Amino acid sequence: MIFKVYYQENRFEVPVRENTKSLYVEASTEREVRHHLKDRNFNIELVQLLEGQHLEYEQASQDYKVESIDA
């Protein structure tokens, strides 16, 4: 499954919508995604499962690059 993660680069700053970044992670569960990212200094706002037309839309973006979690 592909998850889109919305985050701020510094977990100690107040979130500002204009500074929100996103990345895509391939994992089995949201919990795996959060565990994979726990060592980064991110303030994770949302982890969203992408499927169907929403996934197809995101895949068409030039910024679409998936991180894979190696089991």
PDB file of N, CA and C in Angstrom:
ATOM      1  N   MET A   1       0.838  -1.170   0.000  1.00  0.00           N
ATOM      2  CA  MET A   1       0.000   0.000   0.000  1.00  0.00           C
ATOM      3  C   MET A   1       0.890   1.243   0.000  1.00  0.00           C
ATOM      4  N   ILE A   2       0.363   2.290  -0.595  1.00  0.00           N
ATOM      5  CA  ILE A   2       1.090   3.550  -0.652  1.00  0.00           C
ATOM      6  C   ILE A   2       0.421   4.548   0.287  1.00  0.00           C
ATOM      7  N   PHE A   3       1.234   5.186   1.117  1.00  0.00           N
ATOM      8  CA  PHE A   3       0.751   6.199   2.044  1.00  0.00           C
ATOM      9  C   PHE A   3       1.385   7.537   1.704  1.00  0.00           C
ATOM     10  N   LYS A   4       0.605   8.603   1.819  1.00  0.00           N
ATOM     11  CA  LYS A   4       1.122   9.955   1.651  1.00  0.00           C
ATOM     12  C   LYS A   4       1.243  10.550   3.040  1.00  0.00           C
ATOM     13  N   VAL A   5       2.432  11.055   3.353  1.00  0.00           N
ATOM     14  CA  VAL A   5       2.703  11.613   4.668  1.00  0.00           C
ATOM     15  C   VAL A   5       2.841  13.122   4.537  1.00  0.00           C
ATOM     16  N   TYR A   6       2.026  13.851   5.280  1.00  0.00           N
ATOM     17  CA  TYR A   6       2.119  15.305   5.351  1.00  0.00           C
ATOM     18  C   TYR A   6       2.894  15.638   6.621  1.00  0.00           C
ATOM     19  N   TYR A   7       3.909  16.479   6.490  1.00  0.00           N
ATOM     20  CA  TYR A   7       4.750  16.745   7.652  1.00  0.00           C
ATOM     21  C   TYR A   7       5.368  18.144   7.601  1.00  0.00           C
ATOM     22  N   GLN A   8       5.838  18.585   8.764  1.00  0.00           N
ATOM     23  CA  GLN A   8       6.659  19.778   8.904  1.00  0.00           C
ATOM     24  C   GLN A   8       8.080  19.280   9.142  1.00  0.00           C
ATOM     25  N   GLU A   9       9.060  19.999   8.633  1.00  0.00           N
ATOM     26  CA  GLU A   9      10.444  19.521   8.730  1.00  0.00           C
ATOM     27  C   GLU A   9      11.020  19.566  10.144  1.00  0.00           C
ATOM     28  N   ASN A  10      10.477  20.401  11.016  1.00  0.00           N
ATOM     29  CA  ASN A  10      10.998  20.490  12.373  1.00  0.00           C
ATOM     30  C   ASN A  10       9.866  20.272  13.370  1.00  0.00           C
ATOM     31  N   ARG A  11       9.972  19.247  14.167  1.00  0.00           N
ATOM     32  CA  ARG A  11       8.879  18.909  15.083  1.00  0.00           C
ATOM     33  C   ARG A  11       8.719  19.906  16.217  1.00  0.00           C
ATOM     34  N   PHE A  12       9.698  20.788  16.421  1.00  0.00           N
ATOM     35  CA  PHE A  12       9.637  21.727  17.531  1.00  0.00           C
ATOM     36  C   PHE A  12       9.092  23.096  17.135  1.00  0.00           C
ATOM     37  N   GLU A  13       8.778  23.292  15.860  1.00  0.00           N
ATOM     38  CA  GLU A  13       8.196  24.552  15.416  1.00  0.00           C
ATOM     39  C   GLU A  13       6.685  24.401  15.276  1.00  0.00           C
ATOM     40  N   VAL A  14       6.008  25.518  15.405  1.00  0.00           N
ATOM     41  CA  VAL A  14       4.556  25.517  15.227  1.00  0.00           C
ATOM     42  C   VAL A  14       4.238  25.216  13.762  1.00  0.00           C
ATOM     43  N   PRO A  15       3.336  24.276  13.487  1.00  0.00           N
ATOM     44  CA  PRO A  15       2.991  23.949  12.099  1.00  0.00           C
ATOM     45  C   PRO A  15       2.381  25.144  11.358  1.00  0.00           C
ATOM     46  N   VAL A  16       2.858  25.371  10.166  1.00  0.00           N
ATOM     47  CA  VAL A  16       2.332  26.405   9.287  1.00  0.00           C
ATOM     48  C   VAL A  16       1.974  25.718   7.973  1.00  0.00           C
ATOM     49  N   ARG A  17       0.727  25.842   7.570  1.00  0.00           N
ATOM     50  CA  ARG A  17       0.233  25.113   6.397  1.00  0.00           C
ATOM     51  C   ARG A  17       1.113  25.323   5.170  1.00  0.00           C
ATOM     52  N   GLU A  18       1.604  26.538   4.968  1.00  0.00           N
ATOM     53  CA  GLU A  18       2.428  26.833   3.800  1.00  0.00           C
ATOM     54  C   GLU A  18       3.767  26.100   3.820  1.00  0.00           C
ATOM     55  N   ASN A  19       4.192  25.633   4.973  1.00  0.00           N
ATOM     56  CA  ASN A  19       5.466  24.911   5.097  1.00  0.00           C
ATOM     57  C   ASN A  19       5.286  23.400   5.105  1.00  0.00           C
ATOM     58  N   THR A  20       4.069  22.929   4.955  1.00  0.00           N
ATOM     59  CA  THR A  20       3.812  21.490   4.960  1.00  0.00           C
ATOM     60  C   THR A  20       4.402  20.844   3.710  1.00  0.00           C
ATOM     61  N   LYS A  21       5.116  19.769   3.923  1.00  0.00           N
ATOM     62  CA  LYS A  21       5.708  19.004   2.834  1.00  0.00           C
ATOM     63  C   LYS A  21       5.047  17.627   2.822  1.00  0.00           C
ATOM     64  N   SER A  22       5.311  16.855   1.787  1.00  0.00           N
ATOM     65  CA  SER A  22       4.735  15.514   1.728  1.00  0.00           C
ATOM     66  C   SER A  22       5.735  14.549   1.114  1.00  0.00           C
ATOM     67  N   LEU A  23       5.569  13.293   1.465  1.00  0.00           N
ATOM     68  CA  LEU A  23       6.351  12.221   0.863  1.00  0.00           C
ATOM     69  C   LEU A  23       5.479  10.992   0.796  1.00  0.00           C
ATOM     70  N   TYR A  24       5.894  10.062  -0.037  1.00  0.00           N
ATOM     71  CA  TYR A  24       5.131   8.832  -0.262  1.00  0.00           C
ATOM     72  C   TYR A  24       5.940   7.652   0.259  1.00  0.00           C
ATOM     73  N   VAL A  25       5.258   6.766   0.972  1.00  0.00           N
ATOM     74  CA  VAL A  25       5.928   5.599   1.546  1.00  0.00           C
ATOM     75  C   VAL A  25       5.114   4.355   1.230  1.00  0.00           C
ATOM     76  N   GLU A  26       5.821   3.309   0.783  1.00  0.00           N
ATOM     77  CA  GLU A  26       5.172   2.023   0.557  1.00  0.00           C
ATOM     78  C   GLU A  26       5.353   1.173   1.800  1.00  0.00           C
ATOM     79  N   ALA A  27       4.233   0.764   2.393  1.00  0.00           N
ATOM     80  CA  ALA A  27       4.268  -0.030   3.619  1.00  0.00           C
ATOM     81  C   ALA A  27       2.961  -0.810   3.748  1.00  0.00           C
ATOM     82  N   SER A  28       2.922  -1.707   4.710  1.00  0.00           N
ATOM     83  CA  SER A  28       1.711  -2.507   4.932  1.00  0.00           C
ATOM     84  C   SER A  28       0.684  -1.774   5.795  1.00  0.00           C
ATOM     85  N   THR A  29       1.185  -0.979   6.745  1.00  0.00           N
ATOM     86  CA  THR A  29       0.290  -0.289   7.672  1.00  0.00           C
ATOM     87  C   THR A  29       0.790   1.121   7.966  1.00  0.00           C
ATOM     88  N   GLU A  30      -0.103   1.951   8.489  1.00  0.00           N
ATOM     89  CA  GLU A  30       0.273   3.296   8.922  1.00  0.00           C
ATOM     90  C   GLU A  30       1.307   3.209  10.044  1.00  0.00           C
ATOM     91  N   ARG A  31       1.170   2.235  10.889  1.00  0.00           N
ATOM     92  CA  ARG A  31       2.114   2.059  11.996  1.00  0.00           C
ATOM     93  C   ARG A  31       3.539   1.843  11.477  1.00  0.00           C
ATOM     94  N   GLU A  32       3.696   1.045  10.419  1.00  0.00           N
ATOM     95  CA  GLU A  32       5.014   0.832   9.811  1.00  0.00           C
ATOM     96  C   GLU A  32       5.585   2.141   9.277  1.00  0.00           C
ATOM     97  N   VAL A  33       4.733   2.957   8.671  1.00  0.00           N
ATOM     98  CA  VAL A  33       5.178   4.243   8.135  1.00  0.00           C
ATOM     99  C   VAL A  33       5.701   5.114   9.263  1.00  0.00           C
ATOM    100  N   ARG A  34       4.928   5.248  10.333  1.00  0.00           N
ATOM    101  CA  ARG A  34       5.346   6.079  11.467  1.00  0.00           C
ATOM    102  C   ARG A  34       6.632   5.542  12.101  1.00  0.00           C
ATOM    103  N   HIS A  35       6.756   4.242  12.197  1.00  0.00           N
ATOM    104  CA  HIS A  35       7.970   3.640  12.757  1.00  0.00           C
ATOM    105  C   HIS A  35       9.170   3.934  11.855  1.00  0.00           C
ATOM    106  N   HIS A  36       8.977   3.855  10.547  1.00  0.00           N
ATOM    107  CA  HIS A  36      10.037   4.123   9.574  1.00  0.00           C
ATOM    108  C   HIS A  36      10.537   5.566   9.672  1.00  0.00           C
ATOM    109  N   LEU A  37       9.645   6.488   9.989  1.00  0.00           N
ATOM    110  CA  LEU A  37       9.989   7.909  10.008  1.00  0.00           C
ATOM    111  C   LEU A  37      10.339   8.444  11.398  1.00  0.00           C
ATOM    112  N   LYS A  38      10.297   7.614  12.416  1.00  0.00           N
ATOM    113  CA  LYS A  38      10.452   8.101  13.791  1.00  0.00           C
ATOM    114  C   LYS A  38      11.811   8.746  14.068  1.00  0.00           C
ATOM    115  N   ASP A  39      12.865   8.355  13.360  1.00  0.00           N
ATOM    116  CA  ASP A  39      14.193   8.922  13.613  1.00  0.00           C
ATOM    117  C   ASP A  39      14.425  10.246  12.892  1.00  0.00           C
ATOM    118  N   ARG A  40      13.510  10.628  12.041  1.00  0.00           N
ATOM    119  CA  ARG A  40      13.629  11.914  11.353  1.00  0.00           C
ATOM    120  C   ARG A  40      13.010  12.995  12.245  1.00  0.00           C
ATOM    121  N   ASN A  41      13.465  14.195  12.082  1.00  0.00           N
ATOM    122  CA  ASN A  41      12.988  15.285  12.929  1.00  0.00           C
ATOM    123  C   ASN A  41      11.711  15.896  12.351  1.00  0.00           C
ATOM    124  N   PHE A  42      10.724  15.044  12.027  1.00  0.00           N
ATOM    125  CA  PHE A  42       9.498  15.491  11.391  1.00  0.00           C
ATOM    126  C   PHE A  42       8.374  15.642  12.405  1.00  0.00           C
ATOM    127  N   ASN A  43       7.519  16.624  12.171  1.00  0.00           N
ATOM    128  CA  ASN A  43       6.254  16.737  12.874  1.00  0.00           C
ATOM    129  C   ASN A  43       5.202  16.216  11.895  1.00  0.00           C
ATOM    130  N   ILE A  44       4.803  14.981  12.040  1.00  0.00           N
ATOM    131  CA  ILE A  44       3.869  14.350  11.108  1.00  0.00           C
ATOM    132  C   ILE A  44       2.462  14.847  11.409  1.00  0.00           C
ATOM    133  N   GLU A  45       1.834  15.433  10.400  1.00  0.00           N
ATOM    134  CA  GLU A  45       0.473  15.939  10.536  1.00  0.00           C
ATOM    135  C   GLU A  45      -0.554  14.871  10.201  1.00  0.00           C
ATOM    136  N   LEU A  46      -0.288  14.115   9.121  1.00  0.00           N
ATOM    137  CA  LEU A  46      -1.268  13.145   8.650  1.00  0.00           C
ATOM    138  C   LEU A  46      -0.583  12.062   7.832  1.00  0.00           C
ATOM    139  N   VAL A  47      -1.014  10.832   8.021  1.00  0.00           N
ATOM    140  CA  VAL A  47      -0.591   9.719   7.173  1.00  0.00           C
ATOM    141  C   VAL A  47      -1.859   9.219   6.495  1.00  0.00           C
ATOM    142  N   GLN A  48      -1.896   9.337   5.171  1.00  0.00           N
ATOM    143  CA  GLN A  48      -3.109   9.049   4.411  1.00  0.00           C
ATOM    144  C   GLN A  48      -2.865   7.903   3.434  1.00  0.00           C
ATOM    145  N   LEU A  49      -3.726   6.897   3.491  1.00  0.00           N
ATOM    146  CA  LEU A  49      -3.668   5.784   2.544  1.00  0.00           C
ATOM    147  C   LEU A  49      -4.159   6.265   1.192  1.00  0.00           C
ATOM    148  N   LEU A  50      -3.384   5.976   0.141  1.00  0.00           N
ATOM    149  CA  LEU A  50      -3.786   6.336  -1.215  1.00  0.00           C
ATOM    150  C   LEU A  50      -4.232   5.087  -1.951  1.00  0.00           C
ATOM    151  N   GLU A  51      -5.386   5.170  -2.583  1.00  0.00           N
ATOM    152  CA  GLU A  51      -5.868   4.046  -3.379  1.00  0.00           C
ATOM    153  C   GLU A  51      -6.811   4.554  -4.454  1.00  0.00           C
ATOM    154  N   GLY A  52      -7.018   3.742  -5.460  1.00  0.00           N
ATOM    155  CA  GLY A  52      -7.946   4.075  -6.534  1.00  0.00           C
ATOM    156  C   GLY A  52      -7.533   5.300  -7.324  1.00  0.00           C
ATOM    157  N   GLN A  53      -8.501   6.147  -7.630  1.00  0.00           N
ATOM    158  CA  GLN A  53      -8.254   7.327  -8.447  1.00  0.00           C
ATOM    159  C   GLN A  53      -7.347   8.339  -7.744  1.00  0.00           C
ATOM    160  N   HIS A  54      -7.433   8.402  -6.432  1.00  0.00           N
ATOM    161  CA  HIS A  54      -6.560   9.316  -5.689  1.00  0.00           C
ATOM    162  C   HIS A  54      -5.091   8.917  -5.887  1.00  0.00           C
ATOM    163  N   LEU A  55      -4.796   7.630  -5.826  1.00  0.00           N
ATOM    164  CA  LEU A  55      -3.440   7.142  -6.059  1.00  0.00           C
ATOM    165  C   LEU A  55      -3.007   7.436  -7.496  1.00  0.00           C
ATOM    166  N   GLU A  56      -3.874   7.189  -8.455  1.00  0.00           N
ATOM    167  CA  GLU A  56      -3.549   7.459  -9.856  1.00  0.00           C
ATOM    168  C   GLU A  56      -3.230   8.939 -10.068  1.00  0.00           C
ATOM    169  N   TYR A  57      -3.996   9.812  -9.432  1.00  0.00           N
ATOM    170  CA  TYR A  57      -3.759  11.251  -9.531  1.00  0.00           C
ATOM    171  C   TYR A  57      -2.380  11.613  -8.985  1.00  0.00           C
ATOM    172  N   GLU A  58      -2.045  11.085  -7.827  1.00  0.00           N
ATOM    173  CA  GLU A  58      -0.750  11.374  -7.208  1.00  0.00           C
ATOM    174  C   GLU A  58       0.397  10.820  -8.054  1.00  0.00           C
ATOM    175  N   GLN A  59       0.215   9.651  -8.644  1.00  0.00           N
ATOM    176  CA  GLN A  59       1.259   9.045  -9.474  1.00  0.00           C
ATOM    177  C   GLN A  59       1.548   9.875 -10.721  1.00  0.00           C
ATOM    178  N   ALA A  60       0.594  10.660 -11.167  1.00  0.00           N
ATOM    179  CA  ALA A  60       0.776  11.506 -12.349  1.00  0.00           C
ATOM    180  C   ALA A  60       1.609  12.748 -12.038  1.00  0.00           C
ATOM    181  N   SER A  61       1.819  13.045 -10.771  1.00  0.00           N
ATOM    182  CA  SER A  61       2.588  14.226 -10.367  1.00  0.00           C
ATOM    183  C   SER A  61       4.072  14.015 -10.627  1.00  0.00           C
ATOM    184  N   GLN A  62       4.756  15.075 -11.012  1.00  0.00           N
ATOM    185  CA  GLN A  62       6.202  14.975 -11.244  1.00  0.00           C
ATOM    186  C   GLN A  62       6.967  14.798  -9.933  1.00  0.00           C
ATOM    187  N   ASP A  63       6.337  15.104  -8.800  1.00  0.00           N
ATOM    188  CA  ASP A  63       6.984  14.969  -7.494  1.00  0.00           C
ATOM    189  C   ASP A  63       6.782  13.590  -6.872  1.00  0.00           C
ATOM    190  N   TYR A  64       6.113  12.690  -7.580  1.00  0.00           N
ATOM    191  CA  TYR A  64       5.792  11.377  -7.034  1.00  0.00           C
ATOM    192  C   TYR A  64       7.041  10.496  -7.021  1.00  0.00           C
ATOM    193  N   LYS A  65       7.512  10.186  -5.815  1.00  0.00           N
ATOM    194  CA  LYS A  65       8.640   9.291  -5.609  1.00  0.00           C
ATOM    195  C   LYS A  65       8.368   8.524  -4.331  1.00  0.00           C
ATOM    196  N   VAL A  66       8.404   7.216  -4.400  1.00  0.00           N
ATOM    197  CA  VAL A  66       8.003   6.375  -3.269  1.00  0.00           C
ATOM    198  C   VAL A  66       9.226   5.848  -2.529  1.00  0.00           C
ATOM    199  N   GLU A  67       9.193   5.990  -1.198  1.00  0.00           N
ATOM    200  CA  GLU A  67      10.186   5.344  -0.336  1.00  0.00           C
ATOM    201  C   GLU A  67       9.612   3.984   0.012  1.00  0.00           C
ATOM    202  N   SER A  68      10.449   2.978  -0.033  1.00  0.00           N
ATOM    203  CA  SER A  68      10.008   1.632   0.281  1.00  0.00           C
ATOM    204  C   SER A  68      10.583   1.211   1.633  1.00  0.00           C
ATOM    205  N   ILE A  69       9.773   0.568   2.443  1.00  0.00           N
ATOM    206  CA  ILE A  69      10.240   0.051   3.724  1.00  0.00           C
ATOM    207  C   ILE A  69      10.684  -1.388   3.483  1.00  0.00           C
ATOM    208  N   ASP A  70      11.953  -1.642   3.698  1.00  0.00           N
ATOM    209  CA  ASP A  70      12.473  -3.000   3.519  1.00  0.00           C
ATOM    210  C   ASP A  70      12.173  -3.822   4.761  1.00  0.00           C
ATOM    211  N   ALA A  71      11.524  -4.928   4.562  1.00  0.00           N
ATOM    212  CA  ALA A  71      11.153  -5.791   5.692  1.00  0.00           C
ATOM    213  C   ALA A  71      12.312  -6.596   6.181  1.00  0.00           C
TER     214      ALA A  71
END
